[in-house]
Amino acid sequence: MGVVNSVFRSMRDIPGLLLKTYGLKYEDANGVKTYRWHGVNVTLRIPTLSRKIWVNINLINVEKYIKENGLPDISHVHSNK
């Protein structure tokens, strides 16, 4: 089993902008392979661009997951639109 997701911080989260991690990180939590992208939402007022960036980053994450683990048997997707 594996998880692919992205976490975008708000520009208002000043401590998070300075102290938290960025980029793609891999974790293995009790056998659950997790690929998580950490970034900042810099296009808050441009929803179409935000969506495109979110989709492209998650596609990159999924491609990396498939390259390293093979094609999953089942895919479960969440979307906000």
Protein backbone atom coordinates (compact mmCIF):
# COMPACT_ATOMS: atom_id res chain seq x y z
CA MET A 1 0.00 0.00 0.00
CA GLY A 2 1.19 3.53 -0.69
CA VAL A 3 0.09 7.14 -0.30
CA VAL A 4 0.84 10.06 -2.61
CA ASN A 5 -0.18 13.55 -1.52
CA SER A 6 0.87 17.16 -1.43
CA VAL A 7 0.90 19.67 1.41
CA PHE A 8 0.85 23.36 0.50
CA ARG A 9 1.41 25.87 3.26
CA SER A 10 -0.17 29.30 3.29
CA MET A 11 1.96 32.39 2.68
CA ARG A 12 0.58 33.57 6.04
CA ASP A 13 2.37 30.73 7.87
CA ILE A 14 5.62 32.66 8.37
CA PRO A 15 7.20 30.16 10.81
CA GLY A 16 6.25 27.32 8.47
CA LEU A 17 7.74 29.12 5.48
CA LEU A 18 11.05 29.48 7.29
CA LEU A 19 11.30 26.26 9.31
CA LYS A 20 9.36 23.47 7.63
CA THR A 21 10.60 21.12 4.92
CA TYR A 22 10.17 21.62 1.14
CA GLY A 23 10.07 19.30 -1.84
CA LEU A 24 9.36 15.60 -2.16
CA LYS A 25 9.84 13.50 0.96
CA TYR A 26 9.49 9.73 1.35
CA GLU A 27 8.38 8.00 4.53
CA ASP A 28 7.72 4.37 5.40
CA ALA A 29 5.28 4.21 8.30
CA ASN A 30 4.63 0.61 9.31
CA GLY A 31 4.86 -0.57 5.71
CA VAL A 32 2.83 2.28 4.20
CA LYS A 33 5.00 3.98 1.57
CA THR A 34 4.24 7.70 1.56
CA TYR A 35 5.40 10.21 -1.03
CA ARG A 36 4.57 13.71 0.16
CA TRP A 37 5.32 17.00 -1.58
CA HIS A 38 5.78 20.01 0.72
CA GLY A 39 5.41 23.46 -0.80
CA VAL A 40 3.86 26.91 -0.51
CA ASN A 41 0.64 28.10 -2.13
CA VAL A 42 1.88 31.19 -3.96
CA THR A 43 -1.12 31.36 -6.34
CA LEU A 44 -3.88 31.72 -3.76
CA ARG A 45 -5.78 34.33 -5.77
CA ILE A 46 -5.49 32.47 -9.08
CA PRO A 47 -7.50 29.26 -8.57
CA THR A 48 -6.98 27.90 -12.10
CA LEU A 49 -3.20 28.17 -11.79
CA SER A 50 -3.29 26.68 -8.27
CA ARG A 51 -5.21 23.67 -9.59
CA LYS A 52 -2.78 23.14 -12.48
CA ILE A 53 0.22 23.28 -10.15
CA TRP A 54 -1.44 20.89 -7.67
CA VAL A 55 -2.33 18.40 -10.44
CA ASN A 56 1.14 18.53 -12.03
CA ILE A 57 2.97 18.04 -8.72
CA ASN A 58 0.76 15.08 -7.83
CA LEU A 59 1.26 13.54 -11.28
CA ILE A 60 5.03 13.77 -10.74
CA ASN A 61 4.61 12.10 -7.34
CA VAL A 62 2.47 9.31 -8.83
CA GLU A 63 5.03 8.72 -11.61
CA LYS A 64 7.80 8.45 -9.02
CA TYR A 65 5.71 6.02 -6.95
CA ILE A 66 5.04 3.84 -10.03
CA LYS A 67 8.69 3.93 -11.08
CA GLU A 68 9.83 2.72 -7.65
CA ASN A 69 6.94 0.39 -6.68
CA GLY A 70 5.14 -0.59 -9.89
CA LEU A 71 1.58 0.11 -10.92
CA PRO A 72 -0.84 -0.11 -7.96
CA ASP A 73 -3.73 -2.57 -8.02
CA ILE A 74 -6.17 0.06 -6.76
CA SER A 75 -6.17 3.85 -6.88
CA HIS A 76 -8.26 5.98 -4.52
CA VAL A 77 -8.37 9.69 -5.36
CA HIS A 78 -9.68 12.74 -3.52
CA SER A 79 -10.35 16.06 -5.22
CA ASN A 80 -11.82 19.36 -4.10
CA LYS A 81 -13.43 20.19 -7.43
